[in-house]
């Protein structure tokens, strides 16, 4: 896995994770699929401050650690492909500090309008146990809009 990110909401200009992993297809049919993945990554995050909710990290604007990640992803097609359910859930845990973990979840319903355009509505949940003192640990979003995809 290789992941690069910046996040104004969480107040860090750069984070990366890199490491090996494996995935298993638990279910795989034309109408539905489900995958389970595990990775072990090295992560480095550069923050814009050095005062954290967890005082262990105070005084440094950088956190470096190894993480384990478990992920479940799935998609299911209903009503002759007129309705699609997609979801992704993952948790990441630091090996060095049990208080350092994060969770993420997405669930979306899609209704194809044409072969290329779908209406999409969903819910997004994010939680990080280690944030700067000025940043909320949890975010939730309701999202909706149009997506452009080449469905076959």
N, C-alpha and C. Protein backbone atom coordinates (compact mmCIF):
# COMPACT_ATOMS: atom_id res chain seq x y z
N UNK A 1 0.84 -1.17 0.00
CA UNK A 1 0.00 0.00 0.00
C UNK A 1 0.89 1.24 0.00
N UNK A 2 0.50 2.22 -0.75
CA UNK A 2 1.14 3.53 -0.72
C UNK A 2 0.03 4.57 -0.65
N UNK A 3 0.11 5.45 0.32
CA UNK A 3 -0.94 6.44 0.56
C UNK A 3 -0.27 7.77 0.85
N UNK A 4 -0.67 8.81 0.14
CA UNK A 4 -0.15 10.15 0.34
C UNK A 4 -1.34 11.08 0.53
N UNK A 5 -1.26 11.95 1.54
CA UNK A 5 -2.43 12.78 1.81
C UNK A 5 -2.03 14.10 2.46
N UNK A 6 -2.88 15.09 2.26
CA UNK A 6 -2.82 16.34 2.99
C UNK A 6 -4.23 16.59 3.51
N UNK A 7 -4.37 17.26 4.65
CA UNK A 7 -5.70 17.42 5.23
C UNK A 7 -5.77 18.73 6.00
N UNK A 8 -6.43 19.69 5.40
CA UNK A 8 -6.61 20.99 6.05
C UNK A 8 -7.48 20.86 7.30
N UNK A 9 -8.50 20.04 7.21
CA UNK A 9 -9.43 19.84 8.33
C UNK A 9 -8.70 19.28 9.56
N UNK A 10 -7.78 18.34 9.36
CA UNK A 10 -7.02 17.74 10.46
C UNK A 10 -5.72 18.51 10.75
N UNK A 11 -5.46 19.54 9.96
CA UNK A 11 -4.33 20.46 10.15
C UNK A 11 -2.97 19.79 10.01
N UNK A 12 -2.84 18.97 8.96
CA UNK A 12 -1.50 18.48 8.62
C UNK A 12 -1.26 18.67 7.12
N UNK A 13 -0.08 19.19 6.76
CA UNK A 13 0.21 19.43 5.36
C UNK A 13 0.62 18.18 4.58
N UNK A 14 1.09 17.13 5.28
CA UNK A 14 1.53 15.95 4.55
C UNK A 14 1.55 14.72 5.46
N UNK A 15 1.04 13.62 4.93
CA UNK A 15 1.11 12.31 5.59
C UNK A 15 1.32 11.27 4.51
N UNK A 16 2.15 10.30 4.82
CA UNK A 16 2.27 9.17 3.90
C UNK A 16 2.34 7.88 4.70
N UNK A 17 1.89 6.80 4.05
CA UNK A 17 1.99 5.44 4.58
C UNK A 17 2.48 4.56 3.44
N UNK A 18 3.35 3.64 3.77
CA UNK A 18 3.83 2.71 2.74
C UNK A 18 4.15 1.38 3.40
N UNK A 19 3.76 0.29 2.75
CA UNK A 19 4.04 -1.02 3.30
C UNK A 19 3.30 -2.13 2.57
N UNK A 20 3.64 -3.38 2.91
CA UNK A 20 3.02 -4.53 2.24
C UNK A 20 1.66 -4.87 2.82
N UNK A 21 0.89 -5.58 2.02
CA UNK A 21 -0.42 -6.03 2.49
C UNK A 21 -0.92 -7.18 1.64
N UNK A 22 -2.09 -7.66 2.00
CA UNK A 22 -2.72 -8.76 1.27
C UNK A 22 -4.23 -8.57 1.29
N UNK A 23 -4.90 -9.08 0.28
CA UNK A 23 -6.36 -9.00 0.18
C UNK A 23 -6.93 -10.34 -0.21
N UNK A 24 -8.14 -10.60 0.23
CA UNK A 24 -8.88 -11.80 -0.12
C UNK A 24 -10.24 -11.40 -0.65
N UNK A 25 -10.63 -12.02 -1.74
CA UNK A 25 -11.99 -11.83 -2.26
C UNK A 25 -12.89 -12.81 -1.51
N UNK A 26 -13.69 -12.29 -0.60
CA UNK A 26 -14.59 -13.15 0.18
C UNK A 26 -15.80 -13.58 -0.64
N UNK A 27 -16.32 -12.64 -1.45
CA UNK A 27 -17.45 -12.91 -2.35
C UNK A 27 -17.12 -12.29 -3.69
N UNK A 28 -17.44 -12.99 -4.76
CA UNK A 28 -17.19 -12.41 -6.08
C UNK A 28 -18.17 -12.98 -7.09
N UNK A 29 -19.17 -12.21 -7.38
CA UNK A 29 -20.16 -12.52 -8.41
C UNK A 29 -20.40 -11.23 -9.19
N UNK A 30 -21.12 -11.32 -10.29
CA UNK A 30 -21.41 -10.12 -11.07
C UNK A 30 -22.26 -9.13 -10.26
N UNK A 31 -23.17 -9.62 -9.41
CA UNK A 31 -24.08 -8.76 -8.66
C UNK A 31 -23.48 -8.23 -7.35
N UNK A 32 -22.42 -8.86 -6.87
CA UNK A 32 -21.85 -8.43 -5.59
C UNK A 32 -20.41 -8.89 -5.45
N UNK A 33 -19.69 -8.16 -4.63
CA UNK A 33 -18.32 -8.56 -4.30
C UNK A 33 -17.98 -8.01 -2.92
N UNK A 34 -17.05 -8.67 -2.26
CA UNK A 34 -16.59 -8.24 -0.94
C UNK A 34 -15.14 -8.66 -0.79
N UNK A 35 -14.31 -7.72 -0.32
CA UNK A 35 -12.88 -7.99 -0.12
C UNK A 35 -12.48 -7.65 1.30
N UNK A 36 -11.55 -8.42 1.83
CA UNK A 36 -10.97 -8.19 3.14
C UNK A 36 -9.47 -8.00 2.94
N UNK A 37 -8.90 -6.94 3.53
CA UNK A 37 -7.48 -6.63 3.34
C UNK A 37 -6.81 -6.37 4.68
N UNK A 38 -5.52 -6.69 4.72
CA UNK A 38 -4.68 -6.36 5.87
C UNK A 38 -3.36 -5.81 5.37
N UNK A 39 -2.87 -4.77 6.01
CA UNK A 39 -1.57 -4.20 5.66
C UNK A 39 -0.79 -3.85 6.92
N UNK A 40 0.50 -3.79 6.78
CA UNK A 40 1.40 -3.26 7.81
C UNK A 40 2.17 -2.14 7.12
N UNK A 41 2.07 -0.92 7.66
CA UNK A 41 2.67 0.23 7.00
C UNK A 41 3.52 1.05 7.96
N UNK A 42 4.47 1.75 7.37
CA UNK A 42 5.20 2.79 8.08
C UNK A 42 4.51 4.10 7.72
N UNK A 43 4.23 4.93 8.74
CA UNK A 43 3.54 6.19 8.53
C UNK A 43 4.34 7.34 9.09
N UNK A 44 4.35 8.44 8.35
CA UNK A 44 4.97 9.68 8.82
C UNK A 44 3.98 10.80 8.55
N UNK A 45 3.67 11.60 9.59
CA UNK A 45 2.74 12.72 9.48
C UNK A 45 3.43 13.98 9.98
N UNK A 46 3.33 15.03 9.20
CA UNK A 46 3.86 16.34 9.57
C UNK A 46 2.68 17.24 9.90
N UNK A 47 2.63 17.75 11.13
CA UNK A 47 1.53 18.60 11.58
C UNK A 47 1.94 20.07 11.57
N UNK A 48 0.96 20.96 11.63
CA UNK A 48 1.21 22.40 11.67
C UNK A 48 1.39 22.93 13.08
N UNK A 49 1.40 22.05 14.08
CA UNK A 49 1.58 22.44 15.48
C UNK A 49 2.15 21.24 16.22
N UNK A 50 2.38 21.39 17.53
CA UNK A 50 2.95 20.28 18.30
C UNK A 50 2.26 20.08 19.65
N UNK A 51 0.99 20.49 19.74
CA UNK A 51 0.20 20.27 20.96
C UNK A 51 -0.95 19.33 20.62
N UNK A 52 -0.88 18.10 21.16
CA UNK A 52 -1.83 17.04 20.80
C UNK A 52 -2.76 16.72 21.95
N UNK A 53 -3.88 16.10 21.62
CA UNK A 53 -4.81 15.61 22.64
C UNK A 53 -4.13 14.60 23.54
N UNK A 54 -3.31 13.73 22.96
CA UNK A 54 -2.52 12.75 23.72
C UNK A 54 -1.13 13.36 23.95
N UNK A 55 -0.82 13.68 25.19
CA UNK A 55 0.40 14.43 25.52
C UNK A 55 1.70 13.69 25.19
N UNK A 56 1.63 12.39 24.93
CA UNK A 56 2.82 11.61 24.58
C UNK A 56 3.58 12.24 23.41
N UNK A 57 2.85 12.84 22.48
CA UNK A 57 3.45 13.36 21.26
C UNK A 57 3.77 14.86 21.33
N UNK A 58 3.42 15.54 22.44
CA UNK A 58 3.63 16.98 22.55
C UNK A 58 5.09 17.36 22.36
N UNK A 59 5.30 18.49 21.69
CA UNK A 59 6.65 19.00 21.49
C UNK A 59 7.23 18.66 20.13
N UNK A 60 6.57 17.80 19.36
CA UNK A 60 7.06 17.44 18.03
C UNK A 60 5.96 17.69 17.01
N UNK A 61 6.30 18.28 15.89
CA UNK A 61 5.29 18.50 14.84
C UNK A 61 5.27 17.34 13.84
N UNK A 62 5.90 16.23 14.22
CA UNK A 62 6.00 15.06 13.35
C UNK A 62 5.76 13.79 14.17
N UNK A 63 4.94 12.88 13.63
CA UNK A 63 4.71 11.58 14.27
C UNK A 63 5.08 10.50 13.27
N UNK A 64 5.96 9.58 13.68
CA UNK A 64 6.42 8.47 12.85
C UNK A 64 6.11 7.17 13.59
N UNK A 65 5.49 6.21 12.89
CA UNK A 65 5.15 4.95 13.54
C UNK A 65 4.79 3.88 12.53
N UNK A 66 4.63 2.65 13.03
CA UNK A 66 4.15 1.54 12.23
C UNK A 66 2.70 1.27 12.60
N UNK A 67 1.90 0.96 11.58
CA UNK A 67 0.47 0.70 11.78
C UNK A 67 0.05 -0.62 11.15
N UNK A 68 -0.96 -1.21 11.75
CA UNK A 68 -1.67 -2.32 11.14
C UNK A 68 -3.02 -1.82 10.69
N UNK A 69 -3.47 -2.28 9.52
CA UNK A 69 -4.75 -1.84 8.97
C UNK A 69 -5.58 -3.04 8.57
N UNK A 70 -6.84 -3.04 8.96
CA UNK A 70 -7.82 -4.02 8.49
C UNK A 70 -8.88 -3.27 7.70
N UNK A 71 -9.26 -3.80 6.54
CA UNK A 71 -10.20 -3.10 5.65
C UNK A 71 -11.21 -4.08 5.07
N UNK A 72 -12.47 -3.66 5.02
CA UNK A 72 -13.54 -4.41 4.38
C UNK A 72 -14.16 -3.51 3.32
N UNK A 73 -14.24 -4.01 2.09
CA UNK A 73 -14.84 -3.27 0.99
C UNK A 73 -15.86 -4.16 0.30
N UNK A 74 -16.98 -3.56 -0.08
CA UNK A 74 -17.98 -4.35 -0.79
C UNK A 74 -18.84 -3.51 -1.70
N UNK A 75 -19.44 -4.18 -2.66
CA UNK A 75 -20.43 -3.54 -3.53
C UNK A 75 -21.47 -4.59 -3.90
N UNK A 76 -22.71 -4.15 -3.94
CA UNK A 76 -23.83 -5.03 -4.23
C UNK A 76 -24.77 -4.32 -5.20
N UNK A 77 -25.23 -5.02 -6.21
CA UNK A 77 -26.12 -4.46 -7.22
C UNK A 77 -27.50 -5.09 -7.04
N UNK A 78 -28.53 -4.23 -7.04
CA UNK A 78 -29.91 -4.67 -6.81
C UNK A 78 -30.81 -4.19 -7.95
N UNK A 79 -31.98 -4.77 -8.02
CA UNK A 79 -33.02 -4.35 -8.97
C UNK A 79 -32.48 -4.25 -10.40
N UNK A 80 -31.86 -5.33 -10.84
CA UNK A 80 -31.30 -5.41 -12.19
C UNK A 80 -30.34 -4.25 -12.45
N UNK A 81 -29.49 -3.98 -11.48
CA UNK A 81 -28.44 -2.96 -11.55
C UNK A 81 -28.98 -1.52 -11.56
N UNK A 82 -30.19 -1.33 -11.05
CA UNK A 82 -30.74 0.03 -10.96
C UNK A 82 -30.42 0.68 -9.63
N UNK A 83 -29.86 -0.10 -8.73
CA UNK A 83 -29.48 0.43 -7.42
C UNK A 83 -28.21 -0.30 -6.98
N UNK A 84 -27.21 0.47 -6.55
CA UNK A 84 -25.94 -0.11 -6.12
C UNK A 84 -25.61 0.36 -4.72
N UNK A 85 -25.12 -0.54 -3.92
CA UNK A 85 -24.65 -0.23 -2.57
C UNK A 85 -23.15 -0.47 -2.54
N UNK A 86 -22.40 0.54 -2.09
CA UNK A 86 -20.94 0.42 -1.97
C UNK A 86 -20.55 0.85 -0.56
N UNK A 87 -19.59 0.14 0.02
CA UNK A 87 -19.14 0.48 1.36
C UNK A 87 -17.68 0.14 1.54
N UNK A 88 -17.05 0.85 2.46
CA UNK A 88 -15.67 0.61 2.82
C UNK A 88 -15.52 0.97 4.30
N UNK A 89 -14.93 0.07 5.05
CA UNK A 89 -14.70 0.28 6.48
C UNK A 89 -13.27 -0.15 6.77
N UNK A 90 -12.53 0.70 7.49
CA UNK A 90 -11.19 0.29 7.89
C UNK A 90 -10.82 0.88 9.23
N UNK A 91 -9.93 0.18 9.90
CA UNK A 91 -9.37 0.65 11.16
C UNK A 91 -7.86 0.52 11.10
N UNK A 92 -7.18 1.51 11.69
CA UNK A 92 -5.71 1.49 11.72
C UNK A 92 -5.26 1.65 13.17
N UNK A 93 -4.30 0.82 13.56
CA UNK A 93 -3.83 0.83 14.94
C UNK A 93 -2.31 0.94 14.95
N UNK A 94 -1.79 1.83 15.80
CA UNK A 94 -0.34 1.98 15.92
C UNK A 94 0.19 0.84 16.78
N UNK A 95 1.28 0.23 16.37
CA UNK A 95 1.88 -0.85 17.14
C UNK A 95 2.55 -0.33 18.41
N UNK A 96 3.08 0.89 18.37
CA UNK A 96 3.85 1.44 19.49
C UNK A 96 2.98 2.04 20.60
N UNK A 97 1.72 2.41 20.29
CA UNK A 97 0.89 3.11 21.26
C UNK A 97 -0.57 2.73 21.03
N UNK A 98 -1.15 1.99 21.95
CA UNK A 98 -2.53 1.52 21.81
C UNK A 98 -3.54 2.68 21.79
N UNK A 99 -3.14 3.86 22.25
CA UNK A 99 -4.03 5.03 22.24
C UNK A 99 -4.06 5.71 20.87
N UNK A 100 -3.24 5.27 19.93
CA UNK A 100 -3.16 5.89 18.62
C UNK A 100 -3.84 4.99 17.59
N UNK A 101 -5.05 5.35 17.20
CA UNK A 101 -5.82 4.56 16.24
C UNK A 101 -6.75 5.48 15.47
N UNK A 102 -7.26 4.99 14.36
CA UNK A 102 -8.25 5.74 13.58
C UNK A 102 -9.20 4.77 12.89
N UNK A 103 -10.41 5.26 12.64
CA UNK A 103 -11.43 4.49 11.94
C UNK A 103 -12.00 5.33 10.80
N UNK A 104 -12.41 4.65 9.76
CA UNK A 104 -13.03 5.31 8.61
C UNK A 104 -14.14 4.42 8.09
N UNK A 105 -15.24 5.02 7.68
CA UNK A 105 -16.32 4.27 7.06
C UNK A 105 -17.05 5.11 6.03
N UNK A 106 -17.38 4.49 4.91
CA UNK A 106 -18.17 5.10 3.84
C UNK A 106 -19.26 4.12 3.47
N UNK A 107 -20.45 4.65 3.22
CA UNK A 107 -21.50 3.84 2.63
C UNK A 107 -22.25 4.72 1.64
N UNK A 108 -22.45 4.19 0.43
CA UNK A 108 -23.07 4.96 -0.65
C UNK A 108 -24.13 4.14 -1.36
N UNK A 109 -25.20 4.80 -1.74
CA UNK A 109 -26.18 4.25 -2.66
C UNK A 109 -26.04 4.98 -3.98
N UNK A 110 -26.03 4.24 -5.07
CA UNK A 110 -25.93 4.83 -6.40
C UNK A 110 -27.11 4.37 -7.25
N UNK A 111 -27.67 5.31 -7.99
CA UNK A 111 -28.72 5.01 -8.95
C UNK A 111 -28.26 5.48 -10.32
N UNK A 112 -27.93 4.55 -11.22
CA UNK A 112 -27.50 4.94 -12.56
C UNK A 112 -28.61 5.69 -13.30
N UNK A 113 -28.26 6.84 -13.87
CA UNK A 113 -29.19 7.62 -14.67
C UNK A 113 -28.97 7.35 -16.16
N UNK A 114 -27.71 7.16 -16.53
CA UNK A 114 -27.33 6.78 -17.89
C UNK A 114 -26.18 5.78 -17.75
N UNK A 115 -25.58 5.38 -18.87
CA UNK A 115 -24.43 4.48 -18.79
C UNK A 115 -23.22 5.14 -18.15
N UNK A 116 -23.16 6.48 -18.18
CA UNK A 116 -22.01 7.21 -17.66
C UNK A 116 -22.27 7.97 -16.36
N UNK A 117 -23.52 8.31 -16.08
CA UNK A 117 -23.83 9.19 -14.94
C UNK A 117 -24.74 8.49 -13.96
N UNK A 118 -24.40 8.62 -12.66
CA UNK A 118 -25.22 8.07 -11.58
C UNK A 118 -25.47 9.14 -10.53
N UNK A 119 -26.63 9.07 -9.89
CA UNK A 119 -26.88 9.87 -8.70
C UNK A 119 -26.31 9.08 -7.54
N UNK A 120 -25.61 9.76 -6.65
CA UNK A 120 -24.93 9.08 -5.55
C UNK A 120 -25.21 9.82 -4.25
N UNK A 121 -25.58 9.08 -3.21
CA UNK A 121 -25.80 9.65 -1.87
C UNK A 121 -25.14 8.74 -0.85
N UNK A 122 -24.53 9.34 0.17
CA UNK A 122 -23.83 8.50 1.13
C UNK A 122 -23.51 9.19 2.44
N UNK A 123 -22.85 8.43 3.28
CA UNK A 123 -22.47 8.86 4.62
C UNK A 123 -20.99 8.53 4.81
N UNK A 124 -20.24 9.47 5.36
CA UNK A 124 -18.81 9.31 5.60
C UNK A 124 -18.53 9.56 7.08
N UNK A 125 -17.77 8.67 7.71
CA UNK A 125 -17.40 8.78 9.12
C UNK A 125 -15.89 8.65 9.24
N UNK A 126 -15.27 9.57 9.99
CA UNK A 126 -13.83 9.52 10.25
C UNK A 126 -13.58 9.81 11.72
N UNK A 127 -12.68 9.04 12.33
CA UNK A 127 -12.28 9.27 13.72
C UNK A 127 -10.78 9.05 13.83
N UNK A 128 -10.08 10.00 14.45
CA UNK A 128 -8.66 9.85 14.76
C UNK A 128 -8.48 10.13 16.24
N UNK A 129 -7.84 9.22 16.95
CA UNK A 129 -7.64 9.40 18.38
C UNK A 129 -6.57 10.43 18.69
N UNK A 130 -5.59 10.59 17.79
CA UNK A 130 -4.51 11.55 18.00
C UNK A 130 -4.68 12.71 17.03
N UNK A 131 -5.07 13.85 17.55
CA UNK A 131 -5.20 15.07 16.76
C UNK A 131 -4.56 16.21 17.54
N UNK A 132 -4.38 17.32 16.86
CA UNK A 132 -3.95 18.52 17.56
C UNK A 132 -5.07 18.98 18.48
N UNK A 133 -4.74 19.71 19.53
CA UNK A 133 -5.76 20.13 20.50
C UNK A 133 -6.82 21.02 19.87
N UNK A 134 -6.53 21.66 18.76
CA UNK A 134 -7.47 22.56 18.09
C UNK A 134 -8.34 21.85 17.05
N UNK A 135 -8.21 20.53 16.92
CA UNK A 135 -8.90 19.78 15.87
C UNK A 135 -9.85 18.76 16.49
N UNK A 136 -11.06 18.67 15.92
CA UNK A 136 -12.02 17.65 16.37
C UNK A 136 -11.53 16.26 15.98
N UNK A 137 -11.79 15.29 16.83
CA UNK A 137 -11.36 13.92 16.54
C UNK A 137 -12.28 13.21 15.56
N UNK A 138 -13.56 13.59 15.52
CA UNK A 138 -14.53 12.88 14.70
C UNK A 138 -15.17 13.82 13.68
N UNK A 139 -15.37 13.33 12.49
CA UNK A 139 -16.09 14.03 11.43
C UNK A 139 -17.11 13.08 10.84
N UNK A 140 -18.28 13.60 10.52
CA UNK A 140 -19.28 12.85 9.77
C UNK A 140 -19.82 13.77 8.68
N UNK A 141 -20.07 13.20 7.53
CA UNK A 141 -20.58 13.97 6.40
C UNK A 141 -21.67 13.18 5.69
N UNK A 142 -22.74 13.87 5.33
CA UNK A 142 -23.71 13.34 4.38
C UNK A 142 -23.35 13.95 3.04
N UNK A 143 -23.21 13.14 2.03
CA UNK A 143 -22.78 13.63 0.72
C UNK A 143 -23.75 13.13 -0.36
N UNK A 144 -23.91 13.94 -1.38
CA UNK A 144 -24.72 13.53 -2.52
C UNK A 144 -24.29 14.31 -3.75
N UNK A 145 -24.56 13.73 -4.90
CA UNK A 145 -24.22 14.38 -6.14
C UNK A 145 -24.24 13.41 -7.29
N UNK A 146 -23.64 13.82 -8.39
CA UNK A 146 -23.55 12.99 -9.57
C UNK A 146 -22.15 12.43 -9.70
N UNK A 147 -22.05 11.20 -10.13
CA UNK A 147 -20.74 10.60 -10.40
C UNK A 147 -20.69 10.18 -11.86
N UNK A 148 -19.51 10.31 -12.44
CA UNK A 148 -19.30 9.93 -13.82
C UNK A 148 -18.41 8.69 -13.84
N UNK A 149 -18.92 7.61 -14.39
CA UNK A 149 -18.21 6.34 -14.41
C UNK A 149 -18.55 5.60 -15.68
N UNK A 150 -17.66 4.76 -16.14
CA UNK A 150 -17.93 3.93 -17.30
C UNK A 150 -18.40 2.56 -16.84
N UNK A 151 -19.70 2.38 -16.66
CA UNK A 151 -20.26 1.10 -16.24
C UNK A 151 -20.51 0.23 -17.46
N UNK A 152 -20.13 -1.01 -17.36
CA UNK A 152 -20.35 -1.94 -18.46
C UNK A 152 -21.31 -3.00 -18.04
